[in-house]
Structure formats: C-alpha cells, structure tokens
C-alpha cells in the first residue's frame, strides 16, 4: 500500500494515512486512519465490537463530504493529490 492509497469516508470506514490528512478529516471522528496492516486489523476488531462508535464515525464522515458541492469537492481532490 502506498501513501496515496486512501478511501473516501462517505463510502468506506478506514483510510490509510496520507500527508496533511488532519486538514480534511479528524481521525476517530470522521474516519479511522490506519498505519499498517497490524494497526488495521486491530481497528477492525475494535470497531466490530463497538458498532455504535463505528456508525457514528461513518455518519460524521458522510456528513463531512456531503457539505461539499461538485466544485469545491473537485478543488479539494486536486489540492490533496498535489500535496501527496
């Protein structure tokens, strides 16, 4: 997996960390960031046992991206890709 490999919080729950991620999403509030496969496995196990918390984070991530319109979402994607 490379640093450019990410997932969109509105559709996925976990994302591989990327440069300046804190500018866009808050880890543990709007998405879950993992650093390696071991970290990912631990977080999967944790959130499978804590569905309410998992659902809250997923909903927060969904709301975060829903407030963006087509123009500013495209601008954010371009800006993010240039920073990586």
Foldseek 3Di string as FASTA:
>chain_A
DDLPFFDQLLVDAETEHHPPVVVQDDDLQQHHYADDPVRVVVVVVVCVVVVVSSVRNSVNSNVSVVVDDPVVVVVVVVVRVVRD
